[in-house]
């Protein structure tokens, strides 16, 4: 006989089921890749992650020595170019290296140490997926569009791939998510302590992880400062009191957390606080000359339109595993290109009257916000073009991945504005949403388990 005082068990809601599925799929797929892809060059398929064998030397050095390397360390030298990743920002490698050092207290297994380094990025990606989920609740009122936004970012095959091997890109994606969440939350709660904390954390991680995403730091400064400019009674007024009250703590915390890296570079590399000029001079000291479009005197148009640079960049932004050698099924690329094209067309050509609640009374600020987001998407692309033209030809989508979150926002919003969606009944919207989410998941599973995993299984991890 049932006790009437026993509380009735509640069935999980659809939201709870989707949330659990979201994180479960992420973990299953990332762990599959992290535990099976090889570390070193594996000819002829070259299915090892791009440059991981060179990057891994940095956290391994930290693990073995307990100190940070310089860019000149013999242990870090890679290939004929004689250069190292020790010149770059070190925070991602520190997180991996010191975690490896802890694991090393219990085992000397090279495989265990490699897995540890990769699992640090898997964990960072999991946090990113969580922040993206929080961000979606701030951006969308329709849960179907919200989940589309989350799935497009987290389960884009190339985006997920970045969380499975040793690189700084994973932490960079987390930093952009934190900055955007801090900014949008701040616009809604007048930059509370919580919003300022998220924004500060994002700027710190970005500054110490990946130079390609520095546009987000500049954009965050502009948007934070612009928030305190207000028009009241037909007059412009700047709220300098609250700007200083909220901005100075952010500035102090950020400077305290990041200054050590730039001061260290300044002292090690004769004033080169970024370290990249020193890296290039170090390469030249071995008599290695860069063969680039710029050094050959060819115009930039030769790179952009005389090669497969742009098409390959788009394709590798969607899915390109291994050392840029493992592609997925053509249907996957067609699916994403269709989704991207439809979303961009909807966003650009279909107008809507509504704005976000926090900005609807401040049209100029809303325009500035979107302008900054476009800048944040374009900046990694421009930096990549410059790098490919003057330093090293790299038509790889991972270099423009810092812009993935604002891009997927605009695509999701654009899809929501299409007549096919706006004029549909609730039942049809549910069907369209389910089919799109299924297409995203199926694309990921085909990429990993059909196109990549068979090559991984033919090689040893180390």
Protein backbone atom coordinates (compact mmCIF):
# COMPACT_ATOMS: atom_id res chain seq x y z
CA UNK A 1 0.00 0.00 0.00
CA UNK A 2 1.41 3.40 -0.95
CA UNK A 3 2.15 5.81 1.88
CA UNK A 4 0.17 8.99 1.25
CA UNK A 5 2.90 11.04 2.96
CA UNK A 6 5.58 9.93 0.50
CA UNK A 7 6.34 12.73 -1.95
CA UNK A 8 5.51 11.83 -5.53
CA UNK A 9 8.53 11.55 -7.82
CA UNK A 10 8.52 14.15 -10.56
CA UNK A 11 9.32 13.14 -14.09
CA UNK A 12 12.22 14.97 -15.72
CA UNK A 13 11.09 17.87 -17.89
CA UNK A 14 12.02 18.19 -21.56
CA UNK A 15 14.45 20.97 -20.61
CA UNK A 16 16.21 18.71 -18.10
CA UNK A 17 16.40 15.87 -20.62
CA UNK A 18 17.87 18.12 -23.30
CA UNK A 19 20.40 19.56 -20.84
CA UNK A 20 21.54 16.10 -19.76
CA UNK A 21 21.72 14.95 -23.38
CA UNK A 22 23.67 18.09 -24.31
CA UNK A 23 26.45 17.45 -21.79
CA UNK A 24 26.42 13.66 -22.23
CA UNK A 25 26.92 13.85 -26.00
CA UNK A 26 29.71 16.38 -25.54
CA UNK A 27 31.57 14.12 -23.08
CA UNK A 28 31.11 10.91 -25.07
CA UNK A 29 32.33 12.40 -28.33
CA UNK A 30 35.22 14.45 -26.94
CA UNK A 31 36.50 11.50 -24.89
CA UNK A 32 36.29 9.26 -27.96
CA UNK A 33 38.55 11.63 -29.88
CA UNK A 34 40.88 12.48 -26.98
CA UNK A 35 41.58 8.81 -26.18
CA UNK A 36 42.06 7.60 -29.74
CA UNK A 37 43.80 10.21 -31.89
CA UNK A 38 47.58 9.82 -32.22
CA UNK A 39 50.11 12.31 -30.89
CA UNK A 40 52.83 12.13 -33.52
CA UNK A 41 52.87 12.26 -37.32
CA UNK A 42 51.16 9.15 -38.68
CA UNK A 43 51.96 8.71 -42.34
CA UNK A 44 50.34 8.53 -44.79
CA UNK A 45 47.02 9.67 -43.26
CA UNK A 46 48.49 12.25 -40.84
CA UNK A 47 45.53 11.87 -38.53
CA UNK A 48 47.31 13.42 -35.55
CA UNK A 49 45.98 16.82 -34.38
CA UNK A 50 47.62 19.89 -35.96
CA UNK A 51 50.93 20.76 -34.26
CA UNK A 52 50.05 18.86 -31.09
CA UNK A 53 53.36 17.00 -31.05
CA UNK A 54 55.10 20.40 -30.95
CA UNK A 55 52.68 22.07 -28.54
CA UNK A 56 52.74 19.12 -26.14
CA UNK A 57 56.43 19.74 -25.48
CA UNK A 58 55.53 22.88 -23.53
CA UNK A 59 53.28 21.29 -20.85
CA UNK A 60 55.63 18.30 -20.76
CA UNK A 61 58.52 20.68 -19.97
CA UNK A 62 56.45 22.27 -17.19
CA UNK A 63 55.59 18.80 -15.88
CA UNK A 64 59.23 17.68 -15.85
CA UNK A 65 60.84 20.86 -14.51
CA UNK A 66 58.09 22.59 -12.53
CA UNK A 67 59.01 25.92 -14.17
CA UNK A 68 57.96 27.86 -17.25
CA UNK A 69 60.16 27.53 -20.34
CA UNK A 70 61.46 30.30 -22.54
CA UNK A 71 61.13 30.11 -26.29
CA UNK A 72 64.81 29.19 -26.61
CA UNK A 73 64.67 25.83 -24.81
CA UNK A 74 66.29 23.00 -26.78
CA UNK A 75 63.62 20.58 -25.51
CA UNK A 76 60.91 22.56 -27.30
CA UNK A 77 62.49 22.91 -30.74
CA UNK A 78 60.34 21.60 -33.57
CA UNK A 79 61.10 20.61 -37.15
CA UNK A 80 63.36 22.19 -39.70
CA UNK A 81 62.14 25.69 -38.90
CA UNK A 82 63.75 25.46 -35.44
CA UNK A 83 61.08 27.30 -33.51
CA UNK A 84 59.07 26.62 -30.40
CA UNK A 85 55.69 27.32 -28.83
CA UNK A 86 57.52 28.62 -25.77
CA UNK A 87 57.31 32.14 -27.22
CA UNK A 88 53.51 32.14 -27.10
CA UNK A 89 51.13 32.75 -24.20
CA UNK A 90 51.57 30.00 -21.62
CA UNK A 91 48.45 29.88 -19.44
CA UNK A 92 46.78 26.97 -21.33
CA UNK A 93 50.03 24.99 -21.16
CA UNK A 94 50.41 25.86 -17.49
CA UNK A 95 46.97 24.42 -16.74
CA UNK A 96 47.93 21.24 -18.58
CA UNK A 97 51.53 21.04 -17.36
CA UNK A 98 50.87 21.47 -13.64
CA UNK A 99 47.94 19.04 -13.80
CA UNK A 100 50.30 16.57 -15.50
CA UNK A 101 52.84 17.21 -12.75
CA UNK A 102 50.25 16.25 -10.14
CA UNK A 103 49.33 13.07 -12.03
CA UNK A 104 53.04 12.33 -12.36
CA UNK A 105 53.15 11.85 -8.59
CA UNK A 106 51.21 8.63 -9.11
CA UNK A 107 52.35 7.37 -12.50
CA UNK A 108 55.16 7.83 -15.02
CA UNK A 109 53.07 6.52 -17.90
CA UNK A 110 53.60 8.72 -21.00
CA UNK A 111 50.09 7.81 -22.14
CA UNK A 112 48.56 8.88 -18.83
CA UNK A 113 50.34 12.23 -19.03
CA UNK A 114 49.18 12.82 -22.60
CA UNK A 115 45.61 11.95 -21.69
CA UNK A 116 45.83 14.31 -18.71
CA UNK A 117 46.86 17.22 -20.93
CA UNK A 118 44.04 16.51 -23.35
CA UNK A 119 41.47 16.04 -20.59
CA UNK A 120 42.24 19.52 -19.27
CA UNK A 121 40.93 20.87 -22.57
CA UNK A 122 37.98 18.49 -22.49
CA UNK A 123 37.09 20.00 -19.09
CA UNK A 124 37.57 23.54 -20.41
CA UNK A 125 35.24 22.72 -23.30
CA UNK A 126 32.64 21.39 -20.86
CA UNK A 127 32.74 24.69 -18.97
CA UNK A 128 32.43 26.53 -22.29
CA UNK A 129 29.36 24.47 -23.16
CA UNK A 130 27.84 25.44 -19.81
CA UNK A 131 28.55 29.16 -20.29
CA UNK A 132 27.06 28.96 -23.79
CA UNK A 133 23.94 27.41 -22.24
CA UNK A 134 23.73 30.28 -19.74
CA UNK A 135 24.32 32.78 -22.52
CA UNK A 136 21.52 31.31 -24.62
CA UNK A 137 19.03 32.06 -21.84
CA UNK A 138 20.04 35.72 -21.98
CA UNK A 139 19.79 35.95 -25.77
CA UNK A 140 16.67 34.00 -26.77
CA UNK A 141 13.12 33.75 -25.50
CA UNK A 142 12.17 30.80 -27.71
CA UNK A 143 13.68 27.63 -26.23
CA UNK A 144 13.88 26.03 -29.67
CA UNK A 145 16.15 28.80 -30.98
CA UNK A 146 18.10 28.74 -27.74
CA UNK A 147 18.95 25.07 -28.13
CA UNK A 148 19.78 25.58 -31.79
CA UNK A 149 22.29 28.24 -30.75
CA UNK A 150 23.86 25.89 -28.16
CA UNK A 151 24.05 22.94 -30.54
CA UNK A 152 25.52 25.02 -33.38
CA UNK A 153 28.38 26.19 -31.16
CA UNK A 154 29.13 23.12 -29.07
CA UNK A 155 28.53 20.43 -31.69
CA UNK A 156 29.98 22.12 -34.74
CA UNK A 157 32.52 19.34 -35.53
CA UNK A 158 35.50 21.71 -35.73
CA UNK A 159 34.53 23.60 -32.59
CA UNK A 160 34.24 20.39 -30.58
CA UNK A 161 37.51 19.09 -32.05
CA UNK A 162 39.43 21.99 -30.48
CA UNK A 163 38.61 20.66 -27.01
CA UNK A 164 40.22 17.25 -27.60
CA UNK A 165 43.95 17.90 -27.95
CA UNK A 166 46.71 20.16 -26.61
CA UNK A 167 46.21 23.71 -27.87
CA UNK A 168 45.34 27.23 -26.60
CA UNK A 169 42.17 27.43 -28.73
CA UNK A 170 40.02 25.66 -26.16
CA UNK A 171 40.72 28.22 -23.43
CA UNK A 172 40.30 30.98 -26.00
CA UNK A 173 36.74 29.83 -26.78
CA UNK A 174 35.96 29.77 -23.06
CA UNK A 175 37.29 33.32 -22.72
CA UNK A 176 35.05 34.67 -25.49
CA UNK A 177 32.02 32.96 -23.94
CA UNK A 178 32.82 34.50 -20.55
CA UNK A 179 33.30 38.00 -21.99
CA UNK A 180 30.05 37.87 -23.94
CA UNK A 181 28.13 36.52 -20.96
CA UNK A 182 29.62 39.22 -18.72
CA UNK A 183 28.74 41.98 -21.18
CA UNK A 184 25.18 40.87 -21.88
CA UNK A 185 24.50 40.20 -18.21
CA UNK A 186 25.98 43.59 -17.38
CA UNK A 187 23.69 45.33 -19.86
CA UNK A 188 20.75 43.69 -18.09
CA UNK A 189 21.80 44.18 -14.45
CA UNK A 190 23.85 47.41 -14.72
CA UNK A 191 27.08 45.47 -14.34
CA UNK A 192 26.60 43.75 -11.02
CA UNK A 193 29.48 42.06 -9.22
CA UNK A 194 28.57 38.78 -10.94
CA UNK A 195 28.66 40.32 -14.43
CA UNK A 196 31.94 42.12 -13.74
CA UNK A 197 33.46 38.87 -12.47
CA UNK A 198 32.54 36.99 -15.65
CA UNK A 199 33.83 39.84 -17.81
CA UNK A 200 37.11 40.04 -15.88
CA UNK A 201 37.65 36.29 -16.06
CA UNK A 202 37.06 36.32 -19.82
CA UNK A 203 39.52 39.14 -20.44
CA UNK A 204 42.18 37.46 -18.30
CA UNK A 205 41.86 34.08 -20.02
CA UNK A 206 41.81 35.71 -23.45
CA UNK A 207 44.90 37.85 -22.79
CA UNK A 208 46.85 34.81 -21.60
CA UNK A 209 45.67 32.26 -24.15
CA UNK A 210 45.38 33.39 -27.77
CA UNK A 211 46.40 36.57 -29.58
CA UNK A 212 43.89 36.02 -32.42
CA UNK A 213 41.01 36.77 -30.05
CA UNK A 214 42.34 40.08 -28.72
CA UNK A 215 39.64 41.87 -30.71
CA UNK A 216 37.19 40.64 -28.04
CA UNK A 217 39.20 42.42 -25.35
CA UNK A 218 39.13 45.67 -27.29
CA UNK A 219 35.44 45.18 -28.05
CA UNK A 220 34.64 44.48 -24.40
CA UNK A 221 36.38 47.70 -23.33
CA UNK A 222 34.43 49.74 -25.90
CA UNK A 223 31.06 48.21 -24.96
CA UNK A 224 31.68 48.49 -21.23
CA UNK A 225 32.67 52.15 -21.52
CA UNK A 226 29.79 52.95 -23.90
CA UNK A 227 27.20 51.59 -21.48
CA UNK A 228 27.70 54.55 -19.14
CA UNK A 229 27.05 57.15 -21.85
CA UNK A 230 23.39 58.13 -21.60
CA UNK A 231 21.03 60.64 -23.19
CA UNK A 232 18.66 62.26 -20.71
CA UNK A 233 16.38 65.24 -21.39
CA UNK A 234 17.88 65.69 -24.86
CA UNK A 235 21.37 65.95 -23.35
CA UNK A 236 24.27 63.50 -23.35
CA UNK A 237 25.68 62.63 -19.94
CA UNK A 238 28.51 60.29 -19.00
CA UNK A 239 28.07 58.45 -15.71
CA UNK A 240 31.72 58.75 -14.72
CA UNK A 241 31.01 57.79 -11.10
CA UNK A 242 29.61 54.35 -11.89
CA UNK A 243 32.09 53.85 -14.72
CA UNK A 244 34.98 54.26 -12.27
CA UNK A 245 33.20 52.37 -9.49
CA UNK A 246 32.73 49.30 -11.67
CA UNK A 247 35.55 49.73 -14.17
CA UNK A 248 38.49 50.32 -11.84
CA UNK A 249 38.11 46.99 -9.98
CA UNK A 250 37.88 45.15 -13.31
CA UNK A 251 40.97 46.95 -14.57
CA UNK A 252 42.97 46.26 -11.40
CA UNK A 253 42.04 42.57 -11.25
CA UNK A 254 42.85 42.07 -14.93
CA UNK A 255 46.19 43.88 -14.72
CA UNK A 256 47.20 41.98 -11.59
CA UNK A 257 46.43 38.66 -13.27
CA UNK A 258 47.97 39.25 -16.70
CA UNK A 259 50.85 41.68 -16.16
CA UNK A 260 53.28 38.96 -15.06
CA UNK A 261 53.22 37.41 -18.53
CA UNK A 262 54.01 40.61 -20.40
CA UNK A 263 56.61 41.71 -17.85
CA UNK A 264 58.25 38.29 -18.17
CA UNK A 265 58.34 38.59 -21.96
CA UNK A 266 59.71 42.13 -21.69
CA UNK A 267 62.59 40.91 -19.53
CA UNK A 268 63.29 37.73 -21.51
CA UNK A 269 62.95 39.08 -25.03
CA UNK A 270 64.48 42.56 -24.85
CA UNK A 271 61.24 44.49 -24.64
CA UNK A 272 59.17 42.25 -26.94
CA UNK A 273 56.13 41.89 -24.67
CA UNK A 274 54.27 39.67 -27.17
CA UNK A 275 57.26 37.49 -28.09
CA UNK A 276 56.35 36.94 -31.73
CA UNK A 277 59.05 39.23 -33.17
CA UNK A 278 61.64 37.38 -31.10
CA UNK A 279 60.28 34.09 -32.40
CA UNK A 280 60.70 35.17 -36.03
CA UNK A 281 64.22 36.48 -35.37
CA UNK A 282 65.07 33.18 -33.66
CA UNK A 283 63.94 31.27 -36.75
CA UNK A 284 66.02 33.52 -39.00
CA UNK A 285 69.07 32.95 -36.82
CA UNK A 286 69.14 29.35 -38.11
CA UNK A 287 69.22 30.57 -41.69
CA UNK A 288 65.59 29.60 -42.28
CA UNK A 289 63.80 31.99 -44.64
CA UNK A 290 60.03 32.16 -44.83
CA UNK A 291 58.73 31.46 -48.33
CA UNK A 292 55.57 33.55 -48.43
CA UNK A 293 53.44 35.43 -50.93
CA UNK A 294 54.82 38.67 -49.51
CA UNK A 295 58.47 37.56 -49.79
CA UNK A 296 57.86 36.53 -53.42
CA UNK A 297 56.34 39.91 -54.19
CA UNK A 298 52.95 38.46 -55.09
CA UNK A 299 49.82 40.55 -54.38
CA UNK A 300 47.36 39.67 -51.64
CA UNK A 301 44.77 38.88 -54.31
CA UNK A 302 46.97 35.95 -55.42
CA UNK A 303 46.46 34.40 -51.99
CA UNK A 304 42.75 35.15 -51.71
CA UNK A 305 41.59 34.42 -55.24
CA UNK A 306 44.41 32.49 -56.91
CA UNK A 307 44.34 29.58 -54.48
CA UNK A 308 41.82 27.44 -52.60
CA UNK A 309 42.44 29.53 -49.47
CA UNK A 310 38.89 30.79 -48.94
CA UNK A 311 37.01 27.56 -49.82
CA UNK A 312 39.32 25.49 -47.63
CA UNK A 313 38.95 28.01 -44.81
CA UNK A 314 35.18 27.61 -44.89
CA UNK A 315 35.32 23.82 -45.12
CA UNK A 316 37.87 23.51 -42.32
CA UNK A 317 35.75 25.82 -40.14
CA UNK A 318 33.02 23.18 -40.36
CA UNK A 319 35.04 19.96 -40.07
CA UNK A 320 38.66 19.13 -40.80
CA UNK A 321 40.28 16.65 -38.40
CA UNK A 322 43.78 15.24 -38.19
CA UNK A 323 46.55 17.51 -39.50
CA UNK A 324 44.10 19.15 -41.85
CA UNK A 325 43.81 15.84 -43.68
CA UNK A 326 40.62 14.15 -42.48
CA UNK A 327 37.42 15.45 -44.06
CA UNK A 328 33.86 14.45 -43.35
CA UNK A 329 31.06 13.40 -45.69
CA UNK A 330 30.07 15.94 -48.34
CA UNK A 331 26.49 15.91 -47.03
CA UNK A 332 27.73 17.36 -43.73
CA UNK A 333 29.34 20.34 -45.49
CA UNK A 334 26.21 20.83 -47.60
CA UNK A 335 24.02 20.76 -44.50
CA UNK A 336 26.05 23.38 -42.66
CA UNK A 337 26.47 25.61 -45.71
CA UNK A 338 22.69 25.56 -46.16
CA UNK A 339 22.11 26.40 -42.49
CA UNK A 340 24.73 29.17 -42.55
CA UNK A 341 23.42 30.67 -45.80
CA UNK A 342 19.80 30.61 -44.63
CA UNK A 343 20.68 32.15 -41.27
CA UNK A 344 22.84 34.91 -42.73
CA UNK A 345 20.24 35.76 -45.39
CA UNK A 346 17.52 35.92 -42.76
CA UNK A 347 19.62 38.11 -40.49
CA UNK A 348 20.72 40.55 -43.22
CA UNK A 349 17.64 40.91 -45.39
CA UNK A 350 14.66 40.40 -43.06
CA UNK A 351 13.98 43.24 -40.66
CA UNK A 352 12.29 42.93 -37.31
CA UNK A 353 11.07 45.67 -35.04
CA UNK A 354 11.91 44.18 -31.70
CA UNK A 355 15.15 44.61 -29.79
CA UNK A 356 16.55 43.04 -26.64
CA UNK A 357 14.86 44.32 -23.48
CA UNK A 358 18.04 45.84 -22.07
CA UNK A 359 18.79 47.92 -25.18
CA UNK A 360 15.42 48.67 -26.78
CA UNK A 361 15.42 52.24 -25.41
CA UNK A 362 19.02 52.88 -26.51
CA UNK A 363 19.13 52.29 -30.24
CA UNK A 364 22.62 53.74 -30.69
CA UNK A 365 24.01 51.36 -28.08
CA UNK A 366 22.31 48.39 -29.75
CA UNK A 367 23.86 49.40 -33.09
CA UNK A 368 27.26 49.78 -31.45
CA UNK A 369 26.94 46.36 -29.81
CA UNK A 370 26.28 44.65 -33.14
CA UNK A 371 29.07 46.62 -34.83
CA UNK A 372 31.50 45.41 -32.18
CA UNK A 373 30.31 41.83 -32.59
CA UNK A 374 30.94 42.05 -36.35
CA UNK A 375 34.39 43.46 -35.59
CA UNK A 376 35.09 40.53 -33.24
CA UNK A 377 34.16 38.07 -35.98
CA UNK A 378 36.17 39.81 -38.69
CA UNK A 379 39.35 40.48 -36.69
CA UNK A 380 40.54 36.83 -36.47
CA UNK A 381 39.93 36.52 -40.21
CA UNK A 382 42.00 39.63 -40.97
CA UNK A 383 44.80 38.47 -38.68
CA UNK A 384 44.81 35.08 -40.40
CA UNK A 385 45.05 36.69 -43.84
CA UNK A 386 47.96 38.83 -42.68
CA UNK A 387 49.71 35.82 -41.13
CA UNK A 388 49.15 33.63 -44.18
CA UNK A 389 50.37 36.35 -46.54
CA UNK A 390 53.47 37.46 -44.62
CA UNK A 391 54.51 34.55 -42.34
CA UNK A 392 53.02 31.11 -43.04
CA UNK A 393 50.23 29.97 -45.36
CA UNK A 394 47.51 28.51 -43.12
CA UNK A 395 44.05 27.95 -44.61
CA UNK A 396 42.63 26.44 -41.43
CA UNK A 397 39.27 27.29 -39.92
CA UNK A 398 40.52 26.88 -36.36
CA UNK A 399 42.24 30.24 -36.64
CA UNK A 400 38.92 32.06 -37.09
CA UNK A 401 37.05 30.01 -34.49
CA UNK A 402 37.20 32.84 -31.87
CA UNK A 403 34.28 34.42 -33.73
CA UNK A 404 32.07 31.33 -33.57
CA UNK A 405 29.75 32.47 -30.75
CA UNK A 406 28.59 35.79 -32.27
CA UNK A 407 28.43 34.12 -35.70
CA UNK A 408 26.12 31.39 -34.41
CA UNK A 409 24.01 33.99 -32.63
CA UNK A 410 23.37 35.80 -35.90
CA UNK A 411 22.72 32.56 -37.76
CA UNK A 412 20.27 31.39 -35.08
CA UNK A 413 18.52 34.75 -35.05
CA UNK A 414 18.42 34.79 -38.85
CA UNK A 415 16.83 31.34 -39.00
CA UNK A 416 14.24 32.52 -36.48
CA UNK A 417 13.35 35.46 -38.78
CA UNK A 418 12.76 33.35 -41.91
CA UNK A 419 9.14 33.23 -43.13
CA UNK A 420 9.35 29.43 -43.11
CA UNK A 421 9.72 29.67 -39.33
CA UNK A 422 7.70 32.78 -38.45
CA UNK A 423 4.58 31.68 -40.33
CA UNK A 424 4.72 28.08 -39.14
CA UNK A 425 2.41 26.64 -36.52
CA UNK A 426 3.84 25.62 -33.15
CA UNK A 427 3.68 21.98 -34.18
CA UNK A 428 5.60 22.66 -37.40
CA UNK A 429 8.15 24.74 -35.50
CA UNK A 430 8.76 21.82 -33.18
CA UNK A 431 9.29 19.52 -36.16
CA UNK A 432 11.66 21.95 -37.92
CA UNK A 433 13.61 22.46 -34.70
CA UNK A 434 13.89 18.73 -34.02
CA UNK A 435 15.05 18.03 -37.59
CA UNK A 436 17.71 20.76 -37.43
CA UNK A 437 19.06 19.59 -34.07
CA UNK A 438 19.08 16.01 -35.36
CA UNK A 439 21.00 17.16 -38.44
CA UNK A 440 23.62 18.84 -36.24
CA UNK A 441 24.06 15.74 -34.08
CA UNK A 442 24.12 13.38 -37.05
CA UNK A 443 26.76 15.56 -38.75
CA UNK A 444 28.94 15.37 -35.64
CA UNK A 445 28.57 11.61 -35.26
CA UNK A 446 29.33 10.95 -38.94
CA UNK A 447 32.41 13.19 -38.75
CA UNK A 448 33.80 11.51 -35.65
CA UNK A 449 32.75 7.88 -35.89
CA UNK A 450 32.69 7.37 -39.67
CA UNK A 451 35.23 9.81 -41.10
CA UNK A 452 37.87 10.08 -38.34
CA UNK A 453 37.75 7.18 -35.87
CA UNK A 454 38.66 4.41 -38.38
CA UNK A 455 41.95 6.24 -39.09
CA UNK A 456 42.59 6.73 -35.39
CA UNK A 457 42.13 3.03 -34.69
CA UNK A 458 44.75 2.12 -37.30
CA UNK A 459 47.46 3.98 -35.35
CA UNK A 460 48.84 3.98 -31.84
CA UNK A 461 48.09 7.02 -29.67
CA UNK A 462 51.76 7.71 -28.91
